[in-house]
C-alpha atoms as a PDB file:
ATOM      1  CA  UNK A   1     143.878  62.186  90.172  1.00  0.00           C
ATOM      2  CA  UNK A   2     144.778  60.766  86.764  1.00  0.00           C
ATOM      3  CA  UNK A   3     141.969  61.019  84.207  1.00  0.00           C
ATOM      4  CA  UNK A   4     143.865  59.736  81.170  1.00  0.00           C
ATOM      5  CA  UNK A   5     141.697  56.630  80.814  1.00  0.00           C
ATOM      6  CA  UNK A   6     138.715  58.670  79.690  1.00  0.00           C
ATOM      7  CA  UNK A   7     135.882  60.641  81.235  1.00  0.00           C
ATOM      8  CA  UNK A   8     135.364  60.399  84.959  1.00  0.00           C
ATOM      9  CA  UNK A   9     131.814  59.502  85.953  1.00  0.00           C
ATOM     10  CA  UNK A  10     129.951  62.036  88.052  1.00  0.00           C
ATOM     11  CA  UNK A  11     130.738  61.520  91.668  1.00  0.00           C
ATOM     12  CA  UNK A  12     130.465  63.454  94.847  1.00  0.00           C
ATOM     13  CA  UNK A  13     132.934  66.106  93.576  1.00  0.00           C
ATOM     14  CA  UNK A  14     132.548  66.503  89.784  1.00  0.00           C
ATOM     15  CA  UNK A  15     134.190  69.952  89.878  1.00  0.00           C
ATOM     16  CA  UNK A  16     137.470  68.393  91.066  1.00  0.00           C
ATOM     17  CA  UNK A  17     138.255  66.526  87.847  1.00  0.00           C
ATOM     18  CA  UNK A  18     141.778  67.322  86.673  1.00  0.00           C
ATOM     19  CA  UNK A  19     142.715  67.639  83.042  1.00  0.00           C
ATOM     20  CA  UNK A  20     146.259  66.451  82.476  1.00  0.00           C
ATOM     21  CA  UNK A  21     148.623  67.024  79.557  1.00  0.00           C
ATOM     22  CA  UNK A  22     149.334  63.306  79.127  1.00  0.00           C
ATOM     23  CA  UNK A  23     146.759  63.070  76.348  1.00  0.00           C
ATOM     24  CA  UNK A  24     148.744  65.521  74.231  1.00  0.00           C
ATOM     25  CA  UNK A  25     152.358  65.255  75.360  1.00  0.00           C
ATOM     26  CA  UNK A  26     153.347  61.936  76.889  1.00  0.00           C
ATOM     27  CA  UNK A  27     152.985  59.907  73.701  1.00  0.00           C
ATOM     28  CA  UNK A  28     154.662  62.454  71.432  1.00  0.00           C
ATOM     29  CA  UNK A  29     157.341  61.110  69.117  1.00  0.00           C
ATOM     30  CA  UNK A  30     160.403  63.209  68.340  1.00  0.00           C
ATOM     31  CA  UNK A  31     161.065  63.123  64.611  1.00  0.00           C
ATOM     32  CA  UNK A  32     164.793  63.797  64.936  1.00  0.00           C
ATOM     33  CA  UNK A  33     164.575  67.434  63.921  1.00  0.00           C
ATOM     34  CA  UNK A  34     166.393  69.964  66.099  1.00  0.00           C
ATOM     35  CA  UNK A  35     164.061  72.239  68.029  1.00  0.00           C
ATOM     36  CA  UNK A  36     164.653  75.934  68.605  1.00  0.00           C
ATOM     37  CA  UNK A  37     165.115  76.356  72.355  1.00  0.00           C
ATOM     38  CA  UNK A  38     165.833  80.078  72.761  1.00  0.00           C
ATOM     39  CA  UNK A  39     166.742  83.266  70.924  1.00  0.00           C
ATOM     40  CA  UNK A  40     169.059  85.587  72.845  1.00  0.00           C
ATOM     41  CA  UNK A  41     170.558  89.007  72.204  1.00  0.00           C
ATOM     42  CA  UNK A  42     173.848  89.140  70.298  1.00  0.00           C
ATOM     43  CA  UNK A  43     174.785  92.757  70.990  1.00  0.00           C
ATOM     44  CA  UNK A  44     178.362  93.546  70.006  1.00  0.00           C
ATOM     45  CA  UNK A  45     178.888  90.397  67.890  1.00  0.00           C
ATOM     46  CA  UNK A  46     179.414  90.256  64.139  1.00  0.00           C
ATOM     47  CA  UNK A  47     179.651  87.714  61.348  1.00  0.00           C
ATOM     48  CA  UNK A  48     182.740  88.290  59.229  1.00  0.00           C
ATOM     49  CA  UNK A  49     182.416  87.447  55.561  1.00  0.00           C
ATOM     50  CA  UNK A  50     185.222  86.795  53.067  1.00  0.00           C
ATOM     51  CA  UNK A  51     185.576  90.372  51.817  1.00  0.00           C
ATOM     52  CA  UNK A  52     186.168  91.538  55.421  1.00  0.00           C
ATOM     53  CA  UNK A  53     182.707  93.026  55.912  1.00  0.00           C
ATOM     54  CA  UNK A  54     181.266  92.664  59.405  1.00  0.00           C
ATOM     55  CA  UNK A  55     177.540  91.927  59.523  1.00  0.00           C
ATOM     56  CA  UNK A  56     176.020  92.772  62.923  1.00  0.00           C
ATOM     57  CA  UNK A  57     174.322  89.809  64.556  1.00  0.00           C
ATOM     58  CA  UNK A  58     170.751  90.427  65.640  1.00  0.00           C
ATOM     59  CA  UNK A  59     170.548  87.343  67.851  1.00  0.00           C
ATOM     60  CA  UNK A  60     171.987  83.973  68.774  1.00  0.00           C
ATOM     61  CA  UNK A  61     169.691  81.005  68.231  1.00  0.00           C
ATOM     62  CA  UNK A  62     170.097  78.143  70.698  1.00  0.00           C
ATOM     63  CA  UNK A  63     168.869  74.700  69.651  1.00  0.00           C
ATOM     64  CA  UNK A  64     167.785  71.914  72.013  1.00  0.00           C
ATOM     65  CA  UNK A  65     170.920  69.997  71.005  1.00  0.00           C
ATOM     66  CA  UNK A  66     173.114  72.807  72.378  1.00  0.00           C
ATOM     67  CA  UNK A  67     174.138  74.096  68.934  1.00  0.00           C
ATOM     68  CA  UNK A  68     174.212  77.887  68.779  1.00  0.00           C
ATOM     69  CA  UNK A  69     174.411  80.054  65.667  1.00  0.00           C
ATOM     70  CA  UNK A  70     174.220  83.714  64.753  1.00  0.00           C
ATOM     71  CA  UNK A  71     171.324  85.403  62.975  1.00  0.00           C
ATOM     72  CA  UNK A  72     171.540  88.531  60.803  1.00  0.00           C
ATOM     73  CA  UNK A  73     168.960  90.656  59.001  1.00  0.00           C
ATOM     74  CA  UNK A  74     168.121  89.003  55.681  1.00  0.00           C
ATOM     75  CA  UNK A  75     168.282  90.651  52.267  1.00  0.00           C
ATOM     76  CA  UNK A  76     164.523  91.132  52.507  1.00  0.00           C
ATOM     77  CA  UNK A  77     164.982  93.173  55.704  1.00  0.00           C
ATOM     78  CA  UNK A  78     163.450  90.464  57.887  1.00  0.00           C
ATOM     79  CA  UNK A  79     164.942  88.422  60.722  1.00  0.00           C
ATOM     80  CA  UNK A  80     164.440  84.646  60.649  1.00  0.00           C
ATOM     81  CA  UNK A  81     165.821  82.921  63.755  1.00  0.00           C
ATOM     82  CA  UNK A  82     165.931  79.607  61.890  1.00  0.00           C
ATOM     83  CA  UNK A  83     168.410  80.899  59.264  1.00  0.00           C
ATOM     84  CA  UNK A  84     172.013  80.632  60.402  1.00  0.00           C
ATOM     85  CA  UNK A  85     174.500  83.131  59.004  1.00  0.00           C
ATOM     86  CA  UNK A  86     176.872  80.143  58.808  1.00  0.00           C
ATOM     87  CA  UNK A  87     174.849  78.923  55.794  1.00  0.00           C
ATOM     88  CA  UNK A  88     176.261  81.754  53.689  1.00  0.00           C
ATOM     89  CA  UNK A  89     179.002  80.607  51.299  1.00  0.00           C
ATOM     90  CA  UNK A  90     181.147  83.626  52.240  1.00  0.00           C
ATOM     91  CA  UNK A  91     180.884  83.213  56.048  1.00  0.00           C
ATOM     92  CA  UNK A  92     184.307  83.215  57.772  1.00  0.00           C
ATOM     93  CA  UNK A  93     183.800  83.517  61.534  1.00  0.00           C
ATOM     94  CA  UNK A  94     182.100  85.249  64.434  1.00  0.00           C
ATOM     95  CA  UNK A  95     183.889  88.145  66.098  1.00  0.00           C
ATOM     96  CA  UNK A  96     183.258  90.779  68.726  1.00  0.00           C
ATOM     97  CA  UNK A  97     186.237  92.886  67.655  1.00  0.00           C
ATOM     98  CA  UNK A  98     185.625  95.780  65.297  1.00  0.00           C
ATOM     99  CA  UNK A  99     188.571  96.402  62.967  1.00  0.00           C
ATOM    100  CA  UNK A 100     189.766 100.000  62.750  1.00  0.00           C
ATOM    101  CA  UNK A 101     190.252 101.302  59.189  1.00  0.00           C
END
């Protein structure tokens, strides 16, 4: 039963009225902004920066467009899944190989 045209008058089965999500979701407009789809573990992966330092990735963020980027602990000690390590000016690449000194 579709009740999107408004309230359903009382009938023989008033307890069987279904509430649908159409009122909230069907007419939504996407504003063109990428949406965060998932955050997954990045164990064993690092972000290499220009001086050769390897920053351990905390997670990979997956966007609804398919773009994936690494996330590290920020200077404030917090993790923000919306901040890509690629935004750093000194970012070089992702690696899962630890260099021996």
